[in-house]
Amino acid sequence: MTSPAHPKRQDWRDAAIAAADTAARFIAHEAMSHRTLAWEEKSATDFVSRVDVGAEERIRDVLAARIPGIRMVGEELSADARPDDGLVAIVDPLDGTTNFLHGFPNYAVSICIALDGVPQAGVVHDVARGGVLYATASDGAFLDGSRLQVSTTTSPARALIGTGIPFKDVSQADRYLRQLRRLMPIISGVRRAGSAALDLSDVARGRFDGFWELFLNPWDLAAGVLLVREAGGRVTDLAGRDARLTGGPIVASNGILHDWFLDLLNDPDDTTTVPAPDPA
């Protein structure tokens, strides 16, 4: 997806970096007492804590001050807002909440600034391990100032693939397991770490050669999609169409392996349907 030039793009990126840093410092402080946090159950397998809400409030305050008029699409405070209309910040204040609540060090702050559904700037701040990954459209992706590049792996036998298990929608479990069974014997390994933002970041930085998940929300994928594309990779839905910020199935790769990856995931004998993004 080609993004039109916009004179404020770098300003938006810098605002997103500042907002993510504010939230990350708050989360890191709260991590010291994660064992005593109260959990609120959003669904049978999905949880939220005051840390998620507090981080999103801090992000909202920073962005509102630095980008007047911007709307928020955030997982906790404004999940029903449209992510593809006007100037929008698509925010996951704590991607990997379950990891955080268990003290498992794989969670991040994810912020994407989008204009009319086109990502302009994105930031993924790795809270537990440190590191700020960021990208601006048509200007590359970076980790703490060093340019990112997807892997150059050409052989599936050498590929390391990330994934997300469909724990929120067990109706997709059978299809997912069929995909996993087709994949496992012919690659070097599969990893599931519990933060889609960091999984996509790992594709952008060449740690993963690919990643797939049967459904992601806008805030799960928005910043990561831009990082992968700006690092030279490819991100689509299962049909090979460019991934959209409205969410849905997602397949990311270094680009070299993408067509092979799609063919493997889309077994012609598998007629199970997966959620699709809303039409524009």
C-alpha atoms as a PDB file:
ATOM      1  CA  MET A   1       0.000   0.000   0.000  1.00  0.00           C
ATOM      2  CA  THR A   2       1.481   3.339  -1.056  1.00  0.00           C
ATOM      3  CA  SER A   3       1.023   6.179   1.397  1.00  0.00           C
ATOM      4  CA  PRO A   4       0.576   9.748   0.149  1.00  0.00           C
ATOM      5  CA  ALA A   5       3.181  12.238   1.311  1.00  0.00           C
ATOM      6  CA  HIS A   6       2.194  14.321   4.306  1.00  0.00           C
ATOM      7  CA  PRO A   7       4.322  17.096   5.828  1.00  0.00           C
ATOM      8  CA  LYS A   8       3.406  16.185   9.399  1.00  0.00           C
ATOM      9  CA  ARG A   9       4.252  12.489   9.190  1.00  0.00           C
ATOM     10  CA  GLN A  10       7.487  12.724  11.170  1.00  0.00           C
ATOM     11  CA  ASP A  11       5.806  14.908  13.783  1.00  0.00           C
ATOM     12  CA  TRP A  12       3.149  12.225  14.186  1.00  0.00           C
ATOM     13  CA  ARG A  13       5.864   9.595  14.554  1.00  0.00           C
ATOM     14  CA  ASP A  14       7.639  11.600  17.229  1.00  0.00           C
ATOM     15  CA  ALA A  15       4.370  12.151  19.105  1.00  0.00           C
ATOM     16  CA  ALA A  16       3.641   8.415  18.995  1.00  0.00           C
ATOM     17  CA  ILE A  17       7.140   7.627  20.295  1.00  0.00           C
ATOM     18  CA  ALA A  18       6.659  10.076  23.171  1.00  0.00           C
ATOM     19  CA  ALA A  19       3.215   8.684  24.022  1.00  0.00           C
ATOM     20  CA  ALA A  20       4.470   5.100  23.933  1.00  0.00           C
ATOM     21  CA  ASP A  21       7.392   6.020  26.184  1.00  0.00           C
ATOM     22  CA  THR A  22       5.049   7.602  28.735  1.00  0.00           C
ATOM     23  CA  ALA A  23       2.863   4.509  28.772  1.00  0.00           C
ATOM     24  CA  ALA A  24       5.850   2.144  28.879  1.00  0.00           C
ATOM     25  CA  ARG A  25       7.320   3.853  31.939  1.00  0.00           C
ATOM     26  CA  PHE A  26       3.952   3.576  33.695  1.00  0.00           C
ATOM     27  CA  ILE A  27       3.634  -0.118  32.802  1.00  0.00           C
ATOM     28  CA  ALA A  28       7.211  -0.881  33.880  1.00  0.00           C
ATOM     29  CA  HIS A  29       6.546   0.708  37.269  1.00  0.00           C
ATOM     30  CA  GLU A  30       3.307  -1.233  37.704  1.00  0.00           C
ATOM     31  CA  ALA A  31       5.026  -4.490  36.704  1.00  0.00           C
ATOM     32  CA  MET A  32       6.709  -4.541  40.106  1.00  0.00           C
ATOM     33  CA  SER A  33       3.312  -5.199  41.709  1.00  0.00           C
ATOM     34  CA  HIS A  34       1.658  -7.243  38.953  1.00  0.00           C
ATOM     35  CA  ARG A  35       0.891 -10.124  41.321  1.00  0.00           C
ATOM     36  CA  THR A  36      -1.475  -7.957  43.343  1.00  0.00           C
ATOM     37  CA  LEU A  37      -3.343  -6.407  40.401  1.00  0.00           C
ATOM     38  CA  ALA A  38      -7.075  -7.005  40.098  1.00  0.00           C
ATOM     39  CA  TRP A  39      -8.096  -8.638  36.821  1.00  0.00           C
ATOM     40  CA  GLU A  40     -11.316  -7.790  35.023  1.00  0.00           C
ATOM     41  CA  GLU A  41     -12.645 -10.497  32.704  1.00  0.00           C
ATOM     42  CA  LYS A  42     -13.651  -9.134  29.304  1.00  0.00           C
ATOM     43  CA  SER A  43     -14.440 -12.658  28.101  1.00  0.00           C
ATOM     44  CA  ALA A  44     -13.663 -16.183  29.214  1.00  0.00           C
ATOM     45  CA  THR A  45     -10.030 -15.913  28.061  1.00  0.00           C
ATOM     46  CA  ASP A  46      -9.473 -12.151  27.779  1.00  0.00           C
ATOM     47  CA  PHE A  47      -8.508  -9.935  30.693  1.00  0.00           C
ATOM     48  CA  VAL A  48      -7.885  -6.277  31.463  1.00  0.00           C
ATOM     49  CA  SER A  49      -6.398  -4.491  34.460  1.00  0.00           C
ATOM     50  CA  ARG A  50      -6.148  -0.901  35.622  1.00  0.00           C
ATOM     51  CA  VAL A  51      -2.710  -0.858  33.996  1.00  0.00           C
ATOM     52  CA  ASP A  52      -4.220  -1.249  30.504  1.00  0.00           C
ATOM     53  CA  VAL A  53      -6.665   1.583  31.155  1.00  0.00           C
ATOM     54  CA  GLY A  54      -4.079   3.808  32.842  1.00  0.00           C
ATOM     55  CA  ALA A  55      -1.621   3.349  29.986  1.00  0.00           C
ATOM     56  CA  GLU A  56      -4.250   4.198  27.392  1.00  0.00           C
ATOM     57  CA  GLU A  57      -5.263   7.335  29.294  1.00  0.00           C
ATOM     58  CA  ARG A  58      -1.639   8.482  29.317  1.00  0.00           C
ATOM     59  CA  ILE A  59      -1.298   7.843  25.595  1.00  0.00           C
ATOM     60  CA  ARG A  60      -4.499   9.754  24.906  1.00  0.00           C
ATOM     61  CA  ASP A  61      -3.303  12.754  26.919  1.00  0.00           C
ATOM     62  CA  VAL A  62       0.079  12.953  25.158  1.00  0.00           C
ATOM     63  CA  LEU A  63      -1.382  12.571  21.667  1.00  0.00           C
ATOM     64  CA  ALA A  64      -4.178  15.065  22.297  1.00  0.00           C
ATOM     65  CA  ALA A  65      -1.618  17.655  23.382  1.00  0.00           C
ATOM     66  CA  ARG A  66       0.753  17.055  20.460  1.00  0.00           C
ATOM     67  CA  ILE A  67      -1.723  16.279  17.654  1.00  0.00           C
ATOM     68  CA  PRO A  68      -4.835  18.434  18.178  1.00  0.00           C
ATOM     69  CA  GLY A  69      -8.002  16.918  16.771  1.00  0.00           C
ATOM     70  CA  ILE A  70      -6.729  13.357  16.503  1.00  0.00           C
ATOM     71  CA  ARG A  71      -9.241  10.605  17.296  1.00  0.00           C
ATOM     72  CA  MET A  72      -8.396   7.511  19.323  1.00  0.00           C
ATOM     73  CA  VAL A  73      -9.185   3.917  18.485  1.00  0.00           C
ATOM     74  CA  GLY A  74      -8.016   2.158  21.634  1.00  0.00           C
ATOM     75  CA  GLU A  75      -8.621  -1.333  22.912  1.00  0.00           C
ATOM     76  CA  GLU A  76      -9.872  -0.243  26.321  1.00  0.00           C
ATOM     77  CA  LEU A  77     -11.494   3.195  25.938  1.00  0.00           C
ATOM     78  CA  SER A  78     -12.731   3.458  22.345  1.00  0.00           C
ATOM     79  CA  ALA A  79     -12.758   0.020  20.739  1.00  0.00           C
ATOM     80  CA  ASP A  80     -15.865   0.766  18.642  1.00  0.00           C
ATOM     81  CA  ALA A  81     -14.434   3.832  16.861  1.00  0.00           C
ATOM     82  CA  ARG A  82     -13.626   3.508  13.152  1.00  0.00           C
ATOM     83  CA  PRO A  83      -9.910   3.088  12.435  1.00  0.00           C
ATOM     84  CA  ASP A  84     -10.117   4.142   8.785  1.00  0.00           C
ATOM     85  CA  ASP A  85     -11.801   7.553   8.845  1.00  0.00           C
ATOM     86  CA  GLY A  86      -9.746  10.738   9.173  1.00  0.00           C
ATOM     87  CA  LEU A  87      -6.698  11.191  11.378  1.00  0.00           C
ATOM     88  CA  VAL A  88      -6.708   8.397  13.946  1.00  0.00           C
ATOM     89  CA  ALA A  89      -4.394   6.938  16.579  1.00  0.00           C
ATOM     90  CA  ILE A  90      -4.882   3.173  16.732  1.00  0.00           C
ATOM     91  CA  VAL A  91      -3.650   2.140  20.164  1.00  0.00           C
ATOM     92  CA  ASP A  92      -2.991  -1.034  22.095  1.00  0.00           C
ATOM     93  CA  PRO A  93      -1.793   0.313  25.440  1.00  0.00           C
ATOM     94  CA  LEU A  94      -0.610  -3.101  26.631  1.00  0.00           C
ATOM     95  CA  ASP A  95      -0.370  -5.757  23.954  1.00  0.00           C
ATOM     96  CA  GLY A  96       0.200  -8.978  25.828  1.00  0.00           C
ATOM     97  CA  THR A  97      -1.894  -8.251  28.917  1.00  0.00           C
ATOM     98  CA  THR A  98      -2.038 -11.899  29.966  1.00  0.00           C
ATOM     99  CA  ASN A  99       1.759 -12.109  29.726  1.00  0.00           C
ATOM    100  CA  PHE A 100       2.053  -8.971  31.868  1.00  0.00           C
ATOM    101  CA  LEU A 101      -0.343 -10.276  34.509  1.00  0.00           C
ATOM    102  CA  HIS A 102       1.718 -13.466  34.816  1.00  0.00           C
ATOM    103  CA  GLY A 103       5.085 -11.737  34.792  1.00  0.00           C
ATOM    104  CA  PHE A 104       5.994 -13.245  31.415  1.00  0.00           C
ATOM    105  CA  PRO A 105       8.325 -10.672  29.799  1.00  0.00           C
ATOM    106  CA  ASN A 106       6.704 -10.260  26.397  1.00  0.00           C
ATOM    107  CA  TYR A 107       4.400  -7.242  26.199  1.00  0.00           C
ATOM    108  CA  ALA A 108       4.455  -3.915  24.435  1.00  0.00           C
ATOM    109  CA  VAL A 109       2.821  -0.580  23.740  1.00  0.00           C
ATOM    110  CA  SER A 110       1.621  -0.274  20.141  1.00  0.00           C
ATOM    111  CA  ILE A 111       0.566   2.995  18.472  1.00  0.00           C
ATOM    112  CA  CYS A 112      -0.203   3.660  14.816  1.00  0.00           C
ATOM    113  CA  ILE A 113      -1.124   7.057  13.392  1.00  0.00           C
ATOM    114  CA  ALA A 114      -3.315   6.545  10.325  1.00  0.00           C
ATOM    115  CA  LEU A 115      -4.927   8.942   7.867  1.00  0.00           C
ATOM    116  CA  ASP A 116      -8.084   7.690   6.126  1.00  0.00           C
ATOM    117  CA  GLY A 117      -7.084   4.076   6.719  1.00  0.00           C
ATOM    118  CA  VAL A 118      -3.471   4.460   5.547  1.00  0.00           C
ATOM    119  CA  PRO A 119      -0.779   4.024   8.223  1.00  0.00           C
ATOM    120  CA  GLN A 120       1.500   7.052   8.422  1.00  0.00           C
ATOM    121  CA  ALA A 121       3.622   6.316  11.495  1.00  0.00           C
ATOM    122  CA  GLY A 122       3.897   3.397  13.882  1.00  0.00           C
ATOM    123  CA  VAL A 123       5.647   2.596  17.145  1.00  0.00           C
ATOM    124  CA  VAL A 124       6.029  -0.635  19.099  1.00  0.00           C
ATOM    125  CA  HIS A 125       7.736  -0.139  22.466  1.00  0.00           C
ATOM    126  CA  ASP A 126       9.010  -3.403  23.945  1.00  0.00           C
ATOM    127  CA  VAL A 127       8.393  -2.693  27.615  1.00  0.00           C
ATOM    128  CA  ALA A 128       9.840  -5.762  29.321  1.00  0.00           C
ATOM    129  CA  ARG A 129      13.070  -6.087  27.336  1.00  0.00           C
ATOM    130  CA  GLY A 130      13.573  -2.551  26.106  1.00  0.00           C
ATOM    131  CA  GLY A 131      13.757  -1.292  22.558  1.00  0.00           C
ATOM    132  CA  VAL A 132      11.627   1.103  20.530  1.00  0.00           C
ATOM    133  CA  LEU A 133      10.729   0.077  16.992  1.00  0.00           C
ATOM    134  CA  TYR A 134       9.247   2.776  14.785  1.00  0.00           C
ATOM    135  CA  ALA A 135       8.432   3.507  11.169  1.00  0.00           C
ATOM    136  CA  THR A 136       7.145   6.285   8.989  1.00  0.00           C
ATOM    137  CA  ALA A 137       5.524   5.556   5.650  1.00  0.00           C
ATOM    138  CA  SER A 138       8.019   5.579   2.765  1.00  0.00           C
ATOM    139  CA  ASP A 139      10.914   6.322   5.140  1.00  0.00           C
ATOM    140  CA  GLY A 140      11.866   2.903   6.526  1.00  0.00           C
ATOM    141  CA  ALA A 141      11.634   1.116   9.859  1.00  0.00           C
ATOM    142  CA  PHE A 142      14.087   1.435  12.721  1.00  0.00           C
ATOM    143  CA  LEU A 143      15.036   0.029  16.119  1.00  0.00           C
ATOM    144  CA  ASP A 144      16.555   2.660  18.390  1.00  0.00           C
ATOM    145  CA  GLY A 145      17.910   4.462  15.319  1.00  0.00           C
ATOM    146  CA  SER A 146      19.203   1.407  13.414  1.00  0.00           C
ATOM    147  CA  ARG A 147      17.399   0.531  10.183  1.00  0.00           C
ATOM    148  CA  LEU A 148      15.399  -2.694  10.183  1.00  0.00           C
ATOM    149  CA  GLN A 149      15.418  -5.258   7.399  1.00  0.00           C
ATOM    150  CA  VAL A 150      13.373  -8.424   7.050  1.00  0.00           C
ATOM    151  CA  SER A 151      15.187 -11.737   6.737  1.00  0.00           C
ATOM    152  CA  THR A 152      16.598 -13.062   3.482  1.00  0.00           C
ATOM    153  CA  THR A 153      15.553 -16.652   4.155  1.00  0.00           C
ATOM    154  CA  THR A 154      14.565 -18.407   0.933  1.00  0.00           C
ATOM    155  CA  SER A 155      14.085 -21.982   2.134  1.00  0.00           C
ATOM    156  CA  PRO A 156      10.984 -22.998   4.134  1.00  0.00           C
ATOM    157  CA  ALA A 157      13.128 -25.637   5.840  1.00  0.00           C
ATOM    158  CA  ARG A 158      15.110 -22.835   7.483  1.00  0.00           C
ATOM    159  CA  ALA A 159      12.139 -20.622   8.317  1.00  0.00           C
ATOM    160  CA  LEU A 160      11.101 -19.689  11.857  1.00  0.00           C
ATOM    161  CA  ILE A 161       7.418 -18.761  11.933  1.00  0.00           C
ATOM    162  CA  GLY A 162       5.469 -16.873  14.596  1.00  0.00           C
ATOM    163  CA  THR A 163       1.792 -17.434  15.250  1.00  0.00           C
ATOM    164  CA  GLY A 164      -1.180 -16.548  17.401  1.00  0.00           C
ATOM    165  CA  ILE A 165      -3.526 -19.259  18.676  1.00  0.00           C
ATOM    166  CA  PRO A 166      -7.247 -18.406  18.223  1.00  0.00           C
ATOM    167  CA  PHE A 167      -8.027 -18.639  21.937  1.00  0.00           C
ATOM    168  CA  LYS A 168     -10.791 -16.014  21.756  1.00  0.00           C
ATOM    169  CA  ASP A 169     -12.681 -17.884  19.026  1.00  0.00           C
ATOM    170  CA  VAL A 170     -12.502 -21.631  19.488  1.00  0.00           C
ATOM    171  CA  SER A 171     -14.593 -22.126  16.344  1.00  0.00           C
ATOM    172  CA  GLN A 172     -11.371 -21.436  14.415  1.00  0.00           C
ATOM    173  CA  ALA A 173      -9.309 -23.968  16.376  1.00  0.00           C
ATOM    174  CA  ASP A 174      -9.759 -26.865  13.953  1.00  0.00           C
ATOM    175  CA  ARG A 175      -8.702 -24.821  10.943  1.00  0.00           C
ATOM    176  CA  TYR A 176      -5.743 -23.401  12.836  1.00  0.00           C
ATOM    177  CA  LEU A 177      -4.587 -26.866  13.896  1.00  0.00           C
ATOM    178  CA  ARG A 178      -4.813 -28.114  10.318  1.00  0.00           C
ATOM    179  CA  GLN A 179      -2.632 -25.213   9.207  1.00  0.00           C
ATOM    180  CA  LEU A 180      -0.178 -25.922  12.005  1.00  0.00           C
ATOM    181  CA  ARG A 181       0.029 -29.614  11.101  1.00  0.00           C
ATOM    182  CA  ARG A 182       0.796 -28.752   7.466  1.00  0.00           C
ATOM    183  CA  LEU A 183       3.455 -26.259   8.508  1.00  0.00           C
ATOM    184  CA  MET A 184       5.347 -27.979  11.312  1.00  0.00           C
ATOM    185  CA  PRO A 185       7.041 -30.806   9.375  1.00  0.00           C
ATOM    186  CA  ILE A 186       8.581 -28.534   6.757  1.00  0.00           C
ATOM    187  CA  ILE A 187       9.971 -25.539   8.679  1.00  0.00           C
ATOM    188  CA  SER A 188      12.558 -25.110  11.417  1.00  0.00           C
ATOM    189  CA  GLY A 189      10.113 -24.064  14.147  1.00  0.00           C
ATOM    190  CA  VAL A 190       6.939 -22.297  15.291  1.00  0.00           C
ATOM    191  CA  ARG A 191       6.755 -19.784  18.140  1.00  0.00           C
ATOM    192  CA  ARG A 192       3.744 -18.367  19.998  1.00  0.00           C
ATOM    193  CA  ALA A 193       4.736 -15.641  22.462  1.00  0.00           C
ATOM    194  CA  GLY A 194       1.464 -13.795  23.085  1.00  0.00           C
ATOM    195  CA  SER A 195       1.915 -10.306  21.602  1.00  0.00           C
ATOM    196  CA  ALA A 196       1.024  -9.762  17.946  1.00  0.00           C
ATOM    197  CA  ALA A 197       2.699  -6.337  17.966  1.00  0.00           C
ATOM    198  CA  LEU A 198       5.997  -7.915  19.001  1.00  0.00           C
ATOM    199  CA  ASP A 199       5.510 -10.864  16.623  1.00  0.00           C
ATOM    200  CA  LEU A 200       5.142  -8.484  13.681  1.00  0.00           C
ATOM    201  CA  SER A 201       8.103  -6.500  14.990  1.00  0.00           C
ATOM    202  CA  ASP A 202      10.121  -9.712  14.949  1.00  0.00           C
ATOM    203  CA  VAL A 203       9.252 -10.189  11.271  1.00  0.00           C
ATOM    204  CA  ALA A 204      10.390  -6.609  10.602  1.00  0.00           C
ATOM    205  CA  ARG A 205      13.703  -7.142  12.371  1.00  0.00           C
ATOM    206  CA  GLY A 206      14.373 -10.514  10.715  1.00  0.00           C
ATOM    207  CA  ARG A 207      13.913 -12.747  13.766  1.00  0.00           C
ATOM    208  CA  PHE A 208      10.823 -14.379  12.264  1.00  0.00           C
ATOM    209  CA  ASP A 209      10.578 -15.233   8.596  1.00  0.00           C
ATOM    210  CA  GLY A 210       6.789 -15.167   8.790  1.00  0.00           C
ATOM    211  CA  PHE A 211       3.790 -14.815  11.082  1.00  0.00           C
ATOM    212  CA  TRP A 212       0.101 -15.652  10.804  1.00  0.00           C
ATOM    213  CA  GLU A 213      -3.035 -15.366  12.886  1.00  0.00           C
ATOM    214  CA  LEU A 214      -6.643 -16.062  11.940  1.00  0.00           C
ATOM    215  CA  PHE A 215      -8.035 -12.867  13.438  1.00  0.00           C
ATOM    216  CA  LEU A 216      -6.543  -9.672  14.810  1.00  0.00           C
ATOM    217  CA  ASN A 217      -8.182  -6.416  15.850  1.00  0.00           C
ATOM    218  CA  PRO A 218      -7.009  -3.067  14.431  1.00  0.00           C
ATOM    219  CA  TRP A 219      -4.950  -2.209  17.519  1.00  0.00           C
ATOM    220  CA  ASP A 220      -3.234  -5.612  17.435  1.00  0.00           C
ATOM    221  CA  LEU A 221      -1.830  -5.177  13.954  1.00  0.00           C
ATOM    222  CA  ALA A 222      -1.735  -1.535  12.850  1.00  0.00           C
ATOM    223  CA  ALA A 223       1.760  -0.466  13.949  1.00  0.00           C
ATOM    224  CA  GLY A 224       3.252  -3.878  13.180  1.00  0.00           C
ATOM    225  CA  VAL A 225       1.907  -3.866   9.627  1.00  0.00           C
ATOM    226  CA  LEU A 226       3.734  -0.615   8.895  1.00  0.00           C
ATOM    227  CA  LEU A 227       6.941  -1.884  10.500  1.00  0.00           C
ATOM    228  CA  VAL A 228       6.971  -5.019   8.344  1.00  0.00           C
ATOM    229  CA  ARG A 229       6.234  -3.154   5.122  1.00  0.00           C
ATOM    230  CA  GLU A 230       8.826  -0.464   5.782  1.00  0.00           C
ATOM    231  CA  ALA A 231      11.405  -3.160   6.596  1.00  0.00           C
ATOM    232  CA  GLY A 232      10.851  -4.711   3.170  1.00  0.00           C
ATOM    233  CA  GLY A 233       8.323  -7.405   4.028  1.00  0.00           C
ATOM    234  CA  ARG A 234       4.785  -8.160   2.963  1.00  0.00           C
ATOM    235  CA  VAL A 235       1.540  -8.279   4.979  1.00  0.00           C
ATOM    236  CA  THR A 236      -1.754  -9.561   3.574  1.00  0.00           C
ATOM    237  CA  ASP A 237      -4.912 -11.378   4.498  1.00  0.00           C
ATOM    238  CA  LEU A 238      -5.272 -15.072   3.698  1.00  0.00           C
ATOM    239  CA  ALA A 239      -6.451 -14.251   0.181  1.00  0.00           C
ATOM    240  CA  GLY A 240      -3.270 -12.305  -0.542  1.00  0.00           C
ATOM    241  CA  ARG A 241      -4.903  -8.869  -0.392  1.00  0.00           C
ATOM    242  CA  ASP A 242      -3.068  -6.090   1.426  1.00  0.00           C
ATOM    243  CA  ALA A 243      -3.831  -6.234   5.152  1.00  0.00           C
ATOM    244  CA  ARG A 244      -6.203  -3.487   6.236  1.00  0.00           C
ATOM    245  CA  LEU A 245      -6.394  -1.562   9.486  1.00  0.00           C
ATOM    246  CA  THR A 246      -9.972  -2.735  10.066  1.00  0.00           C
ATOM    247  CA  GLY A 247      -8.577  -6.096  11.220  1.00  0.00           C
ATOM    248  CA  GLY A 248      -9.096  -9.704  10.182  1.00  0.00           C
ATOM    249  CA  PRO A 249      -6.809 -12.605   9.258  1.00  0.00           C
ATOM    250  CA  ILE A 250      -3.182 -11.659   8.762  1.00  0.00           C
ATOM    251  CA  VAL A 251      -0.165 -13.224   7.079  1.00  0.00           C
ATOM    252  CA  ALA A 252       3.215 -11.475   7.296  1.00  0.00           C
ATOM    253  CA  SER A 253       6.540 -12.536   5.846  1.00  0.00           C
ATOM    254  CA  ASN A 254       9.883 -11.425   4.501  1.00  0.00           C
ATOM    255  CA  GLY A 255       8.199 -11.293   1.089  1.00  0.00           C
ATOM    256  CA  ILE A 256      10.359 -14.013  -0.411  1.00  0.00           C
ATOM    257  CA  LEU A 257       8.362 -16.775   1.261  1.00  0.00           C
ATOM    258  CA  HIS A 258       4.971 -15.113   1.072  1.00  0.00           C
ATOM    259  CA  ASP A 259       3.377 -16.946  -1.847  1.00  0.00           C
ATOM    260  CA  TRP A 260       4.589 -20.294  -0.506  1.00  0.00           C
ATOM    261  CA  PHE A 261       3.216 -19.383   2.942  1.00  0.00           C
ATOM    262  CA  LEU A 262      -0.197 -18.424   1.548  1.00  0.00           C
ATOM    263  CA  ASP A 263      -0.426 -21.612  -0.496  1.00  0.00           C
ATOM    264  CA  LEU A 264       0.335 -23.726   2.543  1.00  0.00           C
ATOM    265  CA  LEU A 265      -2.154 -21.934   4.782  1.00  0.00           C
ATOM    266  CA  ASN A 266      -4.908 -22.099   2.149  1.00  0.00           C
ATOM    267  CA  ASP A 267      -5.420 -25.815   1.663  1.00  0.00           C
ATOM    268  CA  PRO A 268      -7.977 -26.159  -1.176  1.00  0.00           C
ATOM    269  CA  ASP A 269      -9.676 -28.969   0.739  1.00  0.00           C
ATOM    270  CA  ASP A 270     -10.225 -26.729   3.776  1.00  0.00           C
ATOM    271  CA  THR A 271     -13.590 -24.975   3.347  1.00  0.00           C
ATOM    272  CA  THR A 272     -13.711 -23.380   6.824  1.00  0.00           C
ATOM    273  CA  THR A 273     -14.330 -19.639   6.651  1.00  0.00           C
ATOM    274  CA  VAL A 274     -12.485 -17.039   8.709  1.00  0.00           C
ATOM    275  CA  PRO A 275     -13.616 -13.549   9.742  1.00  0.00           C
ATOM    276  CA  ALA A 276     -13.055 -10.907   7.084  1.00  0.00           C
ATOM    277  CA  PRO A 277     -12.642  -7.172   7.532  1.00  0.00           C
ATOM    278  CA  ASP A 278     -15.654  -4.955   6.942  1.00  0.00           C
ATOM    279  CA  PRO A 279     -15.839  -3.531   3.413  1.00  0.00           C
ATOM    280  CA  ALA A 280     -14.583  -0.003   2.976  1.00  0.00           C
END
